[in-house]
PDB file of N, CA and C in Angstrom:
ATOM      1  N   GLN A   1     103.025 112.140 102.533  1.00  0.00           N
ATOM      2  CA  GLN A   1     102.182 112.420 101.392  1.00  0.00           C
ATOM      3  C   GLN A   1     102.217 111.214 100.460  1.00  0.00           C
ATOM      4  N   LEU A   2     101.036 110.810 100.032  1.00  0.00           N
ATOM      5  CA  LEU A   2     100.929 109.635  99.174  1.00  0.00           C
ATOM      6  C   LEU A   2     101.550 109.883  97.816  1.00  0.00           C
ATOM      7  N   GLN A   3     102.307 108.923  97.342  1.00  0.00           N
ATOM      8  CA  GLN A   3     102.865 108.939  95.999  1.00  0.00           C
ATOM      9  C   GLN A   3     102.524 107.624  95.326  1.00  0.00           C
ATOM     10  N   LEU A   4     102.316 107.689  94.010  1.00  0.00           N
ATOM     11  CA  LEU A   4     101.925 106.509  93.237  1.00  0.00           C
ATOM     12  C   LEU A   4     102.905 106.307  92.092  1.00  0.00           C
ATOM     13  N   VAL A   5     103.277 105.058  91.866  1.00  0.00           N
ATOM     14  CA  VAL A   5     104.174 104.734  90.759  1.00  0.00           C
ATOM     15  C   VAL A   5     103.601 103.551  89.994  1.00  0.00           C
ATOM     16  N   GLU A   6     103.355 103.767  88.687  1.00  0.00           N
ATOM     17  CA  GLU A   6     102.836 102.707  87.838  1.00  0.00           C
ATOM     18  C   GLU A   6     103.976 101.963  87.151  1.00  0.00           C
ATOM     19  N   SER A   7     103.655 100.741  86.760  1.00  0.00           N
ATOM     20  CA  SER A   7     104.585  99.948  85.954  1.00  0.00           C
ATOM     21  C   SER A   7     103.774  98.921  85.174  1.00  0.00           C
ATOM     22  N   GLY A   8     104.424  98.314  84.196  1.00  0.00           N
ATOM     23  CA  GLY A   8     103.786  97.214  83.470  1.00  0.00           C
ATOM     24  C   GLY A   8     103.304  97.547  82.086  1.00  0.00           C
ATOM     25  N   GLY A   9     103.419  98.798  81.661  1.00  0.00           N
ATOM     26  CA  GLY A   9     102.994  99.134  80.318  1.00  0.00           C
ATOM     27  C   GLY A   9     103.917  98.509  79.278  1.00  0.00           C
ATOM     28  N   GLY A  10     103.498  98.577  78.022  1.00  0.00           N
ATOM     29  CA  GLY A  10     104.320  98.030  76.954  1.00  0.00           C
ATOM     30  C   GLY A  10     103.530  97.909  75.674  1.00  0.00           C
ATOM     31  N   SER A  11     104.061  97.131  74.763  1.00  0.00           N
ATOM     32  CA  SER A  11     103.425  96.923  73.463  1.00  0.00           C
ATOM     33  C   SER A  11     102.945  95.492  73.346  1.00  0.00           C
ATOM     34  N   VAL A  12     101.788  95.332  72.749  1.00  0.00           N
ATOM     35  CA  VAL A  12     101.206  94.000  72.599  1.00  0.00           C
ATOM     36  C   VAL A  12     100.336  93.993  71.350  1.00  0.00           C
ATOM     37  N   GLN A  13     100.143  92.829  70.788  1.00  0.00           N
ATOM     38  CA  GLN A  13      99.249  92.711  69.642  1.00  0.00           C
ATOM     39  C   GLN A  13      97.804  92.593  70.112  1.00  0.00           C
ATOM     40  N   ALA A  14      96.901  92.952  69.239  1.00  0.00           N
ATOM     41  CA  ALA A  14      95.474  92.847  69.549  1.00  0.00           C
ATOM     42  C   ALA A  14      95.137  91.424  69.988  1.00  0.00           C
ATOM     43  N   GLY A  15      94.309  91.355  71.027  1.00  0.00           N
ATOM     44  CA  GLY A  15      93.957  90.067  71.590  1.00  0.00           C
ATOM     45  C   GLY A  15      94.855  89.625  72.728  1.00  0.00           C
ATOM     46  N   GLY A  16      95.950  90.332  72.904  1.00  0.00           N
ATOM     47  CA  GLY A  16      96.891  89.976  73.952  1.00  0.00           C
ATOM     48  C   GLY A  16      96.514  90.554  75.304  1.00  0.00           C
ATOM     49  N   SER A  17      97.398  90.359  76.266  1.00  0.00           N
ATOM     50  CA  SER A  17      97.147  90.788  77.636  1.00  0.00           C
ATOM     51  C   SER A  17      98.336  91.550  78.200  1.00  0.00           C
ATOM     52  N   LEU A  18      98.039  92.432  79.130  1.00  0.00           N
ATOM     53  CA  LEU A  18      99.052  93.143  79.904  1.00  0.00           C
ATOM     54  C   LEU A  18      98.528  93.314  81.317  1.00  0.00           C
ATOM     55  N   ALA A  19      99.452  93.402  82.259  1.00  0.00           N
ATOM     56  CA  ALA A  19      99.073  93.677  83.637  1.00  0.00           C
ATOM     57  C   ALA A  19      99.811  94.910  84.121  1.00  0.00           C
ATOM     58  N   LEU A  20      99.077  95.876  84.598  1.00  0.00           N
ATOM     59  CA  LEU A  20      99.655  97.100  85.144  1.00  0.00           C
ATOM     60  C   LEU A  20      99.634  97.032  86.672  1.00  0.00           C
ATOM     61  N   SER A  21     100.619  97.660  87.268  1.00  0.00           N
ATOM     62  CA  SER A  21     100.675  97.751  88.728  1.00  0.00           C
ATOM     63  C   SER A  21     100.841  99.196  89.145  1.00  0.00           C
ATOM     64  N   CYS A  22     100.338  99.508  90.313  1.00  0.00           N
ATOM     65  CA  CYS A  22     100.474 100.845  90.894  1.00  0.00           C
ATOM     66  C   CYS A  22     100.796 100.670  92.372  1.00  0.00           C
ATOM     67  N   VAL A  23     101.965 101.145  92.755  1.00  0.00           N
ATOM     68  CA  VAL A  23     102.403 101.012  94.142  1.00  0.00           C
ATOM     69  C   VAL A  23     102.293 102.353  94.848  1.00  0.00           C
ATOM     70  N   GLY A  24     101.639 102.345  96.009  1.00  0.00           N
ATOM     71  CA  GLY A  24     101.535 103.549  96.809  1.00  0.00           C
ATOM     72  C   GLY A  24     102.611 103.584  97.880  1.00  0.00           C
ATOM     73  N   SER A  25     103.050 104.789  98.222  1.00  0.00           N
ATOM     74  CA  SER A  25     104.043 104.945  99.281  1.00  0.00           C
ATOM     75  C   SER A  25     103.876 106.308  99.927  1.00  0.00           C
ATOM     76  N   GLY A  26     104.423 106.443 101.123  1.00  0.00           N
ATOM     77  CA  GLY A  26     104.440 107.735 101.794  1.00  0.00           C
ATOM     78  C   GLY A  26     103.185 108.059 102.584  1.00  0.00           C
ATOM     79  N   TYR A  27     102.266 107.104 102.661  1.00  0.00           N
ATOM     80  CA  TYR A  27     101.017 107.325 103.402  1.00  0.00           C
ATOM     81  C   TYR A  27     100.905 106.237 104.445  1.00  0.00           C
ATOM     82  N   THR A  28     100.425 106.576 105.613  1.00  0.00           N
ATOM     83  CA  THR A  28     100.441 105.632 106.723  1.00  0.00           C
ATOM     84  C   THR A  28      99.358 104.566 106.649  1.00  0.00           C
ATOM     85  N   ARG A  29      98.370 104.771 105.795  1.00  0.00           N
ATOM     86  CA  ARG A  29      97.279 103.815 105.687  1.00  0.00           C
ATOM     87  C   ARG A  29      97.153 103.314 104.252  1.00  0.00           C
ATOM     88  N   THR A  30      96.458 102.188 104.093  1.00  0.00           N
ATOM     89  CA  THR A  30      96.263 101.624 102.755  1.00  0.00           C
ATOM     90  C   THR A  30      94.782 101.544 102.388  1.00  0.00           C
ATOM     91  N   ASP A  31      93.909 102.029 103.253  1.00  0.00           N
ATOM     92  CA  ASP A  31      92.474 101.936 102.989  1.00  0.00           C
ATOM     93  C   ASP A  31      91.964 103.215 102.348  1.00  0.00           C
ATOM     94  N   TYR A  32      92.317 103.388 101.082  1.00  0.00           N
ATOM     95  CA  TYR A  32      91.842 104.552 100.346  1.00  0.00           C
ATOM     96  C   TYR A  32      91.400 104.127  98.955  1.00  0.00           C
ATOM     97  N   CYS A  33      90.619 104.971  98.341  1.00  0.00           N
ATOM     98  CA  CYS A  33      90.121 104.693  97.000  1.00  0.00           C
ATOM     99  C   CYS A  33      91.270 104.759  95.992  1.00  0.00           C
ATOM    100  N   MET A  34      91.274 103.800  95.073  1.00  0.00           N
ATOM    101  CA  MET A  34      92.245 103.828  93.982  1.00  0.00           C
ATOM    102  C   MET A  34      91.517 103.587  92.670  1.00  0.00           C
ATOM    103  N   ALA A  35      92.056 104.129  91.610  1.00  0.00           N
ATOM    104  CA  ALA A  35      91.386 104.024  90.310  1.00  0.00           C
ATOM    105  C   ALA A  35      92.406 104.065  89.184  1.00  0.00           C
ATOM    106  N   TRP A  36      91.959 103.601  88.024  1.00  0.00           N
ATOM    107  CA  TRP A  36      92.763 103.668  86.795  1.00  0.00           C
ATOM    108  C   TRP A  36      92.054 104.572  85.788  1.00  0.00           C
ATOM    109  N   PHE A  37      92.861 105.391  85.131  1.00  0.00           N
ATOM    110  CA  PHE A  37      92.390 106.247  84.058  1.00  0.00           C
ATOM    111  C   PHE A  37      93.306 106.036  82.857  1.00  0.00           C
ATOM    112  N   ARG A  38      92.874 106.496  81.710  1.00  0.00           N
ATOM    113  CA  ARG A  38      93.749 106.510  80.551  1.00  0.00           C
ATOM    114  C   ARG A  38      93.453 107.758  79.731  1.00  0.00           C
ATOM    115  N   GLN A  39      94.428 108.106  78.913  1.00  0.00           N
ATOM    116  CA  GLN A  39      94.277 109.306  78.099  1.00  0.00           C
ATOM    117  C   GLN A  39      95.077 109.160  76.829  1.00  0.00           C
ATOM    118  N   THR A  40      94.482 109.608  75.730  1.00  0.00           N
ATOM    119  CA  THR A  40      95.166 109.698  74.453  1.00  0.00           C
ATOM    120  C   THR A  40      95.251 111.168  74.067  1.00  0.00           C
ATOM    121  N   PRO A  41      96.203 111.521  73.228  1.00  0.00           N
ATOM    122  CA  PRO A  41      96.375 112.931  72.868  1.00  0.00           C
ATOM    123  C   PRO A  41      95.095 113.553  72.320  1.00  0.00           C
ATOM    124  N   GLY A  42      94.747 114.718  72.849  1.00  0.00           N
ATOM    125  CA  GLY A  42      93.594 115.444  72.368  1.00  0.00           C
ATOM    126  C   GLY A  42      92.272 115.009  72.962  1.00  0.00           C
ATOM    127  N   LYS A  43      92.315 114.018  73.826  1.00  0.00           N
ATOM    128  CA  LYS A  43      91.074 113.537  74.435  1.00  0.00           C
ATOM    129  C   LYS A  43      91.104 113.705  75.947  1.00  0.00           C
ATOM    130  N   LYS A  44      89.926 113.706  76.535  1.00  0.00           N
ATOM    131  CA  LYS A  44      89.829 113.830  77.986  1.00  0.00           C
ATOM    132  C   LYS A  44      90.305 112.543  78.662  1.00  0.00           C
ATOM    133  N   ARG A  45      90.746 112.686  79.903  1.00  0.00           N
ATOM    134  CA  ARG A  45      91.156 111.519  80.670  1.00  0.00           C
ATOM    135  C   ARG A  45      89.913 110.695  81.001  1.00  0.00           C
ATOM    136  N   GLU A  46      89.999 109.411  80.702  1.00  0.00           N
ATOM    137  CA  GLU A  46      88.852 108.507  80.834  1.00  0.00           C
ATOM    138  C   GLU A  46      89.021 107.578  82.029  1.00  0.00           C
ATOM    139  N   GLY A  47      88.014 107.538  82.887  1.00  0.00           N
ATOM    140  CA  GLY A  47      88.037 106.605  84.003  1.00  0.00           C
ATOM    141  C   GLY A  47      87.747 105.198  83.538  1.00  0.00           C
ATOM    142  N   LEU A  48      88.529 104.234  84.003  1.00  0.00           N
ATOM    143  CA  LEU A  48      88.377 102.855  83.586  1.00  0.00           C
ATOM    144  C   LEU A  48      87.826 101.962  84.694  1.00  0.00           C
ATOM    145  N   ALA A  49      88.365 102.112  85.883  1.00  0.00           N
ATOM    146  CA  ALA A  49      87.993 101.215  86.969  1.00  0.00           C
ATOM    147  C   ALA A  49      88.411 101.828  88.298  1.00  0.00           C
ATOM    148  N   SER A  50      87.697 101.433  89.330  1.00  0.00           N
ATOM    149  CA  SER A  50      88.069 101.862  90.675  1.00  0.00           C
ATOM    150  C   SER A  50      87.838 100.717  91.648  1.00  0.00           C
ATOM    151  N   ILE A  51      88.506 100.821  92.800  1.00  0.00           N
ATOM    152  CA  ILE A  51      88.322  99.831  93.848  1.00  0.00           C
ATOM    153  C   ILE A  51      88.403 100.533  95.194  1.00  0.00           C
ATOM    154  N   ASP A  52      87.474 100.213  96.083  1.00  0.00           N
ATOM    155  CA  ASP A  52      87.457 100.917  97.363  1.00  0.00           C
ATOM    156  C   ASP A  52      87.892  99.989  98.500  1.00  0.00           C
ATOM    157  N   VAL A  53      87.785 100.496  99.715  1.00  0.00           N
ATOM    158  CA  VAL A  53      88.295  99.792 100.888  1.00  0.00           C
ATOM    159  C   VAL A  53      87.585  98.456 101.112  1.00  0.00           C
ATOM    160  N   ASP A  54      86.336  98.356 100.666  1.00  0.00           N
ATOM    161  CA  ASP A  54      85.588  97.101 100.810  1.00  0.00           C
ATOM    162  C   ASP A  54      85.752  96.176  99.615  1.00  0.00           C
ATOM    163  N   GLY A  55      86.564  96.587  98.672  1.00  0.00           N
ATOM    164  CA  GLY A  55      86.772  95.769  97.480  1.00  0.00           C
ATOM    165  C   GLY A  55      85.732  95.968  96.404  1.00  0.00           C
ATOM    166  N   GLU A  56      84.829  96.930  96.599  1.00  0.00           N
ATOM    167  CA  GLU A  56      83.825  97.197  95.571  1.00  0.00           C
ATOM    168  C   GLU A  56      84.493  97.830  94.362  1.00  0.00           C
ATOM    169  N   ARG A  57      84.118  97.315  93.199  1.00  0.00           N
ATOM    170  CA  ARG A  57      84.736  97.759  91.956  1.00  0.00           C
ATOM    171  C   ARG A  57      83.726  98.424  91.028  1.00  0.00           C
ATOM    172  N   ASN A  58      84.205  99.349  90.260  1.00  0.00           N
ATOM    173  CA  ASN A  58      83.434  99.954  89.191  1.00  0.00           C
ATOM    174  C   ASN A  58      84.247  99.839  87.902  1.00  0.00           C
ATOM    175  N   TYR A  59      83.548  99.650  86.788  1.00  0.00           N
ATOM    176  CA  TYR A  59      84.220  99.548  85.499  1.00  0.00           C
ATOM    177  C   TYR A  59      83.494 100.380  84.459  1.00  0.00           C
ATOM    178  N   ALA A  60      84.267 100.971  83.576  1.00  0.00           N
ATOM    179  CA  ALA A  60      83.685 101.622  82.410  1.00  0.00           C
ATOM    180  C   ALA A  60      83.151 100.549  81.458  1.00  0.00           C
ATOM    181  N   ASP A  61      82.120 100.907  80.719  1.00  0.00           N
ATOM    182  CA  ASP A  61      81.536  99.957  79.757  1.00  0.00           C
ATOM    183  C   ASP A  61      82.578  99.466  78.754  1.00  0.00           C
ATOM    184  N   SER A  62      83.505 100.336  78.401  1.00  0.00           N
ATOM    185  CA  SER A  62      84.492 100.008  77.367  1.00  0.00           C
ATOM    186  C   SER A  62      85.455  98.900  77.780  1.00  0.00           C
ATOM    187  N   VAL A  63      85.556  98.634  79.092  1.00  0.00           N
ATOM    188  CA  VAL A  63      86.524  97.623  79.542  1.00  0.00           C
ATOM    189  C   VAL A  63      85.873  96.504  80.334  1.00  0.00           C
ATOM    190  N   THR A  64      84.593  96.608  80.605  1.00  0.00           N
ATOM    191  CA  THR A  64      83.889  95.569  81.363  1.00  0.00           C
ATOM    192  C   THR A  64      84.030  94.222  80.674  1.00  0.00           C
ATOM    193  N   GLY A  65      84.404  93.225  81.447  1.00  0.00           N
ATOM    194  CA  GLY A  65      84.579  91.883  80.912  1.00  0.00           C
ATOM    195  C   GLY A  65      85.970  91.618  80.369  1.00  0.00           C
ATOM    196  N   ARG A  66      86.761  92.656  80.190  1.00  0.00           N
ATOM    197  CA  ARG A  66      88.126  92.490  79.670  1.00  0.00           C
ATOM    198  C   ARG A  66      89.181  92.885  80.697  1.00  0.00           C
ATOM    199  N   PHE A  67      88.903  93.906  81.505  1.00  0.00           N
ATOM    200  CA  PHE A  67      89.844  94.407  82.496  1.00  0.00           C
ATOM    201  C   PHE A  67      89.361  94.032  83.893  1.00  0.00           C
ATOM    202  N   THR A  68      90.315  93.744  84.768  1.00  0.00           N
ATOM    203  CA  THR A  68      90.000  93.434  86.159  1.00  0.00           C
ATOM    204  C   THR A  68      90.916  94.215  87.073  1.00  0.00           C
ATOM    205  N   VAL A  69      90.332  94.948  88.001  1.00  0.00           N
ATOM    206  CA  VAL A  69      91.107  95.721  88.967  1.00  0.00           C
ATOM    207  C   VAL A  69      91.133  94.963  90.300  1.00  0.00           C
ATOM    208  N   SER A  70      92.285  95.012  90.949  1.00  0.00           N
ATOM    209  CA  SER A  70      92.418  94.361  92.249  1.00  0.00           C
ATOM    210  C   SER A  70      93.403  95.158  93.094  1.00  0.00           C
ATOM    211  N   LYS A  71      93.378  94.882  94.396  1.00  0.00           N
ATOM    212  CA  LYS A  71      94.298  95.592  95.285  1.00  0.00           C
ATOM    213  C   LYS A  71      94.808  94.654  96.365  1.00  0.00           C
ATOM    214  N   ASP A  72      96.106  94.692  96.584  1.00  0.00           N
ATOM    215  CA  ASP A  72      96.758  93.991  97.679  1.00  0.00           C
ATOM    216  C   ASP A  72      97.046  95.029  98.747  1.00  0.00           C
ATOM    217  N   LYS A  73      96.209  95.068  99.779  1.00  0.00           N
ATOM    218  CA  LYS A  73      96.362  96.095 100.799  1.00  0.00           C
ATOM    219  C   LYS A  73      97.682  95.971 101.535  1.00  0.00           C
ATOM    220  N   ALA A  74      98.112  94.751 101.771  1.00  0.00           N
ATOM    221  CA  ALA A  74      99.351  94.551 102.518  1.00  0.00           C
ATOM    222  C   ALA A  74     100.541  95.166 101.785  1.00  0.00           C
ATOM    223  N   LYS A  75     100.494  95.107 100.461  1.00  0.00           N
ATOM    224  CA  LYS A  75     101.585  95.661  99.665  1.00  0.00           C
ATOM    225  C   LYS A  75     101.267  97.060  99.152  1.00  0.00           C
ATOM    226  N   ASP A  76     100.058  97.557  99.461  1.00  0.00           N
ATOM    227  CA  ASP A  76      99.618  98.868  98.985  1.00  0.00           C
ATOM    228  C   ASP A  76      99.800  98.964  97.468  1.00  0.00           C
ATOM    229  N   THR A  77      99.354  97.919  96.796  1.00  0.00           N
ATOM    230  CA  THR A  77      99.521  97.828  95.356  1.00  0.00           C
ATOM    231  C   THR A  77      98.189  97.520  94.692  1.00  0.00           C
ATOM    232  N   MET A  78      97.868  98.309  93.673  1.00  0.00           N
ATOM    233  CA  MET A  78      96.687  98.065  92.853  1.00  0.00           C
ATOM    234  C   MET A  78      97.137  97.532  91.511  1.00  0.00           C
ATOM    235  N   SER A  79      96.394  96.600  90.979  1.00  0.00           N
ATOM    236  CA  SER A  79      96.734  96.013  89.689  1.00  0.00           C
ATOM    237  C   SER A  79      95.576  96.168  88.719  1.00  0.00           C
ATOM    238  N   LEU A  80      95.901  96.146  87.444  1.00  0.00           N
ATOM    239  CA  LEU A  80      94.895  96.147  86.387  1.00  0.00           C
ATOM    240  C   LEU A  80      95.288  95.071  85.387  1.00  0.00           C
ATOM    241  N   GLN A  81      94.540  93.989  85.385  1.00  0.00           N
ATOM    242  CA  GLN A  81      94.747  92.922  84.420  1.00  0.00           C
ATOM    243  C   GLN A  81      93.928  93.250  83.181  1.00  0.00           C
ATOM    244  N   MET A  82      94.606  93.372  82.060  1.00  0.00           N
ATOM    245  CA  MET A  82      93.942  93.758  80.813  1.00  0.00           C
ATOM    246  C   MET A  82      94.038  92.608  79.815  1.00  0.00           C
ATOM    247  N   ASN A  83      92.905  92.051  79.457  1.00  0.00           N
ATOM    248  CA  ASN A  83      92.843  90.946  78.511  1.00  0.00           C
ATOM    249  C   ASN A  83      92.120  91.362  77.244  1.00  0.00           C
ATOM    250  N   ASP A  84      92.317  90.590  76.193  1.00  0.00           N
ATOM    251  CA  ASP A  84      91.663  90.858  74.912  1.00  0.00           C
ATOM    252  C   ASP A  84      91.832  92.324  74.517  1.00  0.00           C
ATOM    253  N   LEU A  85      93.060  92.780  74.547  1.00  0.00           N
ATOM    254  CA  LEU A  85      93.339  94.174  74.246  1.00  0.00           C
ATOM    255  C   LEU A  85      93.037  94.503  72.784  1.00  0.00           C
ATOM    256  N   LYS A  86      92.597  95.739  72.580  1.00  0.00           N
ATOM    257  CA  LYS A  86      92.236  96.214  71.253  1.00  0.00           C
ATOM    258  C   LYS A  86      93.084  97.435  70.903  1.00  0.00           C
ATOM    259  N   PRO A  87      93.244  97.731  69.628  1.00  0.00           N
ATOM    260  CA  PRO A  87      94.015  98.923  69.260  1.00  0.00           C
ATOM    261  C   PRO A  87      93.492 100.198  69.925  1.00  0.00           C
ATOM    262  N   GLU A  88      92.204 100.287  70.142  1.00  0.00           N
ATOM    263  CA  GLU A  88      91.640 101.474  70.786  1.00  0.00           C
ATOM    264  C   GLU A  88      91.967 101.566  72.271  1.00  0.00           C
ATOM    265  N   ASP A  89      92.591 100.544  72.833  1.00  0.00           N
ATOM    266  CA  ASP A  89      93.070 100.603  74.216  1.00  0.00           C
ATOM    267  C   ASP A  89      94.427 101.299  74.317  1.00  0.00           C
ATOM    268  N   THR A  90      95.016 101.615  73.171  1.00  0.00           N
ATOM    269  CA  THR A  90      96.293 102.320  73.168  1.00  0.00           C
ATOM    270  C   THR A  90      96.146 103.680  73.831  1.00  0.00           C
ATOM    271  N   ALA A  91      96.949 103.938  74.872  1.00  0.00           N
ATOM    272  CA  ALA A  91      96.830 105.182  75.637  1.00  0.00           C
ATOM    273  C   ALA A  91      97.915 105.221  76.700  1.00  0.00           C
ATOM    274  N   MET A  92      97.996 106.352  77.365  1.00  0.00           N
ATOM    275  CA  MET A  92      98.783 106.453  78.593  1.00  0.00           C
ATOM    276  C   MET A  92      97.840 106.116  79.738  1.00  0.00           C
ATOM    277  N   TYR A  93      98.253 105.195  80.583  1.00  0.00           N
ATOM    278  CA  TYR A  93      97.423 104.737  81.693  1.00  0.00           C
ATOM    279  C   TYR A  93      97.946 105.333  83.000  1.00  0.00           C
ATOM    280  N   TYR A  94      97.008 105.859  83.781  1.00  0.00           N
ATOM    281  CA  TYR A  94      97.366 106.546  85.019  1.00  0.00           C
ATOM    282  C   TYR A  94      96.673 105.891  86.214  1.00  0.00           C
ATOM    283  N   CYS A  95      97.427 105.766  87.265  1.00  0.00           N
ATOM    284  CA  CYS A  95      96.901 105.353  88.555  1.00  0.00           C
ATOM    285  C   CYS A  95      96.480 106.598  89.321  1.00  0.00           C
ATOM    286  N   ALA A  96      95.406 106.488  90.085  1.00  0.00           N
ATOM    287  CA  ALA A  96      94.915 107.623  90.848  1.00  0.00           C
ATOM    288  C   ALA A  96      94.434 107.158  92.217  1.00  0.00           C
ATOM    289  N   ALA A  97      94.427 108.078  93.166  1.00  0.00           N
ATOM    290  CA  ALA A  97      93.980 107.735  94.513  1.00  0.00           C
ATOM    291  C   ALA A  97      93.431 108.960  95.218  1.00  0.00           C
ATOM    292  N   ASP A  98      92.601 108.681  96.213  1.00  0.00           N
ATOM    293  CA  ASP A  98      92.089 109.763  97.051  1.00  0.00           C
ATOM    294  C   ASP A  98      91.967 109.254  98.475  1.00  0.00           C
ATOM    295  N   THR A  99      92.612 109.964  99.389  1.00  0.00           N
ATOM    296  CA  THR A  99      92.629 109.552 100.785  1.00  0.00           C
ATOM    297  C   THR A  99      91.588 110.278 101.625  1.00  0.00           C
ATOM    298  N   SER A 100      90.793 111.138 101.002  1.00  0.00           N
ATOM    299  CA  SER A 100      89.873 111.977 101.766  1.00  0.00           C
ATOM    300  C   SER A 100      88.441 111.470 101.794  1.00  0.00           C
ATOM    301  N   LEU A 101      88.199 110.300 101.173  1.00  0.00           N
ATOM    302  CA  LEU A 101      86.829 109.816 101.039  1.00  0.00           C
ATOM    303  C   LEU A 101      86.510 108.646 101.976  1.00  0.00           C
ATOM    304  N   GLY A 102      87.321 108.473 103.008  1.00  0.00           N
ATOM    305  CA  GLY A 102      87.055 107.399 103.960  1.00  0.00           C
ATOM    306  C   GLY A 102      87.226 106.015 103.385  1.00  0.00           C
ATOM    307  N   GLY A 103      87.987 105.917 102.309  1.00  0.00           N
ATOM    308  CA  GLY A 103      88.241 104.608 101.708  1.00  0.00           C
ATOM    309  C   GLY A 103      87.304 104.261 100.575  1.00  0.00           C
ATOM    310  N   TYR A 104      86.293 105.094 100.352  1.00  0.00           N
ATOM    311  CA  TYR A 104      85.314 104.803  99.307  1.00  0.00           C
ATOM    312  C   TYR A 104      85.558 105.702  98.101  1.00  0.00           C
ATOM    313  N   CYS A 105      85.109 105.208  96.922  1.00  0.00           N
ATOM    314  CA  CYS A 105      85.395 105.922  95.690  1.00  0.00           C
ATOM    315  C   CYS A 105      84.247 106.803  95.218  1.00  0.00           C
ATOM    316  N   TYR A 106      83.021 106.415  95.565  1.00  0.00           N
ATOM    317  CA  TYR A 106      81.857 107.129  95.052  1.00  0.00           C
ATOM    318  C   TYR A 106      82.008 107.268  93.540  1.00  0.00           C
ATOM    319  N   ASP A 107      81.896 108.460  92.983  1.00  0.00           N
ATOM    320  CA  ASP A 107      82.013 108.652  91.536  1.00  0.00           C
ATOM    321  C   ASP A 107      83.363 109.225  91.143  1.00  0.00           C
ATOM    322  N   LEU A 108      84.348 109.071  92.001  1.00  0.00           N
ATOM    323  CA  LEU A 108      85.651 109.677  91.722  1.00  0.00           C
ATOM    324  C   LEU A 108      86.205 109.241  90.377  1.00  0.00           C
ATOM    325  N   TRP A 109      85.994 107.957  90.018  1.00  0.00           N
ATOM    326  CA  TRP A 109      86.571 107.454  88.791  1.00  0.00           C
ATOM    327  C   TRP A 109      85.930 108.073  87.549  1.00  0.00           C
ATOM    328  N   LEU A 110      84.823 108.781  87.736  1.00  0.00           N
ATOM    329  CA  LEU A 110      84.171 109.490  86.635  1.00  0.00           C
ATOM    330  C   LEU A 110      84.537 110.972  86.621  1.00  0.00           C
ATOM    331  N   LEU A 111      85.236 111.413  87.657  1.00  0.00           N
ATOM    332  CA  LEU A 111      85.507 112.838  87.837  1.00  0.00           C
ATOM    333  C   LEU A 111      86.999 113.066  88.051  1.00  0.00           C
ATOM    334  N   PRO A 112      87.794 112.916  87.020  1.00  0.00           N
ATOM    335  CA  PRO A 112      89.246 113.023  87.188  1.00  0.00           C
ATOM    336  C   PRO A 112      89.712 114.346  87.778  1.00  0.00           C
ATOM    337  N   LYS A 113      88.941 115.409  87.608  1.00  0.00           N
ATOM    338  CA  LYS A 113      89.405 116.696  88.119  1.00  0.00           C
ATOM    339  C   LYS A 113      89.405 116.741  89.636  1.00  0.00           C
ATOM    340  N   TYR A 114      88.748 115.787  90.284  1.00  0.00           N
ATOM    341  CA  TYR A 114      88.711 115.759  91.744  1.00  0.00           C
ATOM    342  C   TYR A 114      89.709 114.778  92.336  1.00  0.00           C
ATOM    343  N   VAL A 115      90.477 114.101  91.494  1.00  0.00           N
ATOM    344  CA  VAL A 115      91.459 113.148  92.005  1.00  0.00           C
ATOM    345  C   VAL A 115      92.531 113.865  92.811  1.00  0.00           C
ATOM    346  N   GLU A 116      92.890 113.267  93.938  1.00  0.00           N
ATOM    347  CA  GLU A 116      93.849 113.894  94.849  1.00  0.00           C
ATOM    348  C   GLU A 116      95.296 113.641  94.426  1.00  0.00           C
ATOM    349  N   VAL A 117      95.580 112.418  94.023  1.00  0.00           N
ATOM    350  CA  VAL A 117      96.954 112.030  93.713  1.00  0.00           C
ATOM    351  C   VAL A 117      96.982 111.251  92.398  1.00  0.00           C
ATOM    352  N   TRP A 118      97.945 111.574  91.549  1.00  0.00           N
ATOM    353  CA  TRP A 118      98.145 110.879  90.273  1.00  0.00           C
ATOM    354  C   TRP A 118      99.523 110.242  90.221  1.00  0.00           C
ATOM    355  N   GLY A 119      99.603 109.112  89.540  1.00  0.00           N
ATOM    356  CA  GLY A 119     100.899 108.558  89.189  1.00  0.00           C
ATOM    357  C   GLY A 119     101.414 109.246  87.938  1.00  0.00           C
ATOM    358  N   GLN A 120     102.611 108.850  87.512  1.00  0.00           N
ATOM    359  CA  GLN A 120     103.235 109.510  86.372  1.00  0.00           C
ATOM    360  C   GLN A 120     102.767 108.948  85.042  1.00  0.00           C
ATOM    361  N   GLY A 121     102.124 107.792  85.070  1.00  0.00           N
ATOM    362  CA  GLY A 121     101.598 107.188  83.854  1.00  0.00           C
ATOM    363  C   GLY A 121     102.518 106.126  83.283  1.00  0.00           C
ATOM    364  N   THR A 122     101.897 105.173  82.597  1.00  0.00           N
ATOM    365  CA  THR A 122     102.645 104.131  81.889  1.00  0.00           C
ATOM    366  C   THR A 122     101.951 103.910  80.545  1.00  0.00           C
ATOM    367  N   ALA A 123     102.739 103.783  79.490  1.00  0.00           N
ATOM    368  CA  ALA A 123     102.193 103.721  78.141  1.00  0.00           C
ATOM    369  C   ALA A 123     101.836 102.297  77.733  1.00  0.00           C
ATOM    370  N   VAL A 124     100.687 102.185  77.084  1.00  0.00           N
ATOM    371  CA  VAL A 124     100.236 100.910  76.529  1.00  0.00           C
ATOM    372  C   VAL A 124      99.968 101.112  75.042  1.00  0.00           C
ATOM    373  N   ALA A 125     100.536 100.243  74.221  1.00  0.00           N
ATOM    374  CA  ALA A 125     100.334 100.315  72.774  1.00  0.00           C
ATOM    375  C   ALA A 125      99.862  98.958  72.285  1.00  0.00           C
ATOM    376  N   VAL A 126      98.736  98.965  71.579  1.00  0.00           N
ATOM    377  CA  VAL A 126      98.170  97.721  71.063  1.00  0.00           C
ATOM    378  C   VAL A 126      98.125  97.815  69.545  1.00  0.00           C
ATOM    379  N   SER A 127      98.781  96.908  68.893  1.00  0.00           N
ATOM    380  CA  SER A 127      98.831  96.917  67.428  1.00  0.00           C
ATOM    381  C   SER A 127      97.842  95.901  66.860  1.00  0.00           C
ATOM    382  N   SER A 128      97.354  96.229  65.676  1.00  0.00           N
ATOM    383  CA  SER A 128      96.368  95.335  65.033  1.00  0.00           C
ATOM    384  C   SER A 128      97.032  94.268  64.187  1.00  0.00           C
TER     385      SER A 128
END
């Protein structure tokens, strides 16, 4: 059974950068959809980016041009490079994956309730 573990969260000043990582384990294949979400208290979980087996990426408007998602299939690791961070980026960031879509994400990153596997989350705090 696939398990996901995030790392790389922390505190940074506005304009700074952070890189998050998500390592998958327990699954025999690495060609599955992966995505990043974030959530703040009292708000719905927001999809930020996804990457599929062909390397196709999707980004939310709020992070386009600032965040970059990538995946190292050999290491079964997805990364999120976050640049020009803003105070409104402060949230708990979650890694997500789905092994049932043939490696493609479709609109999964917009539909968190259909995500198959979640990581435990890593906190990001951006101060002004």
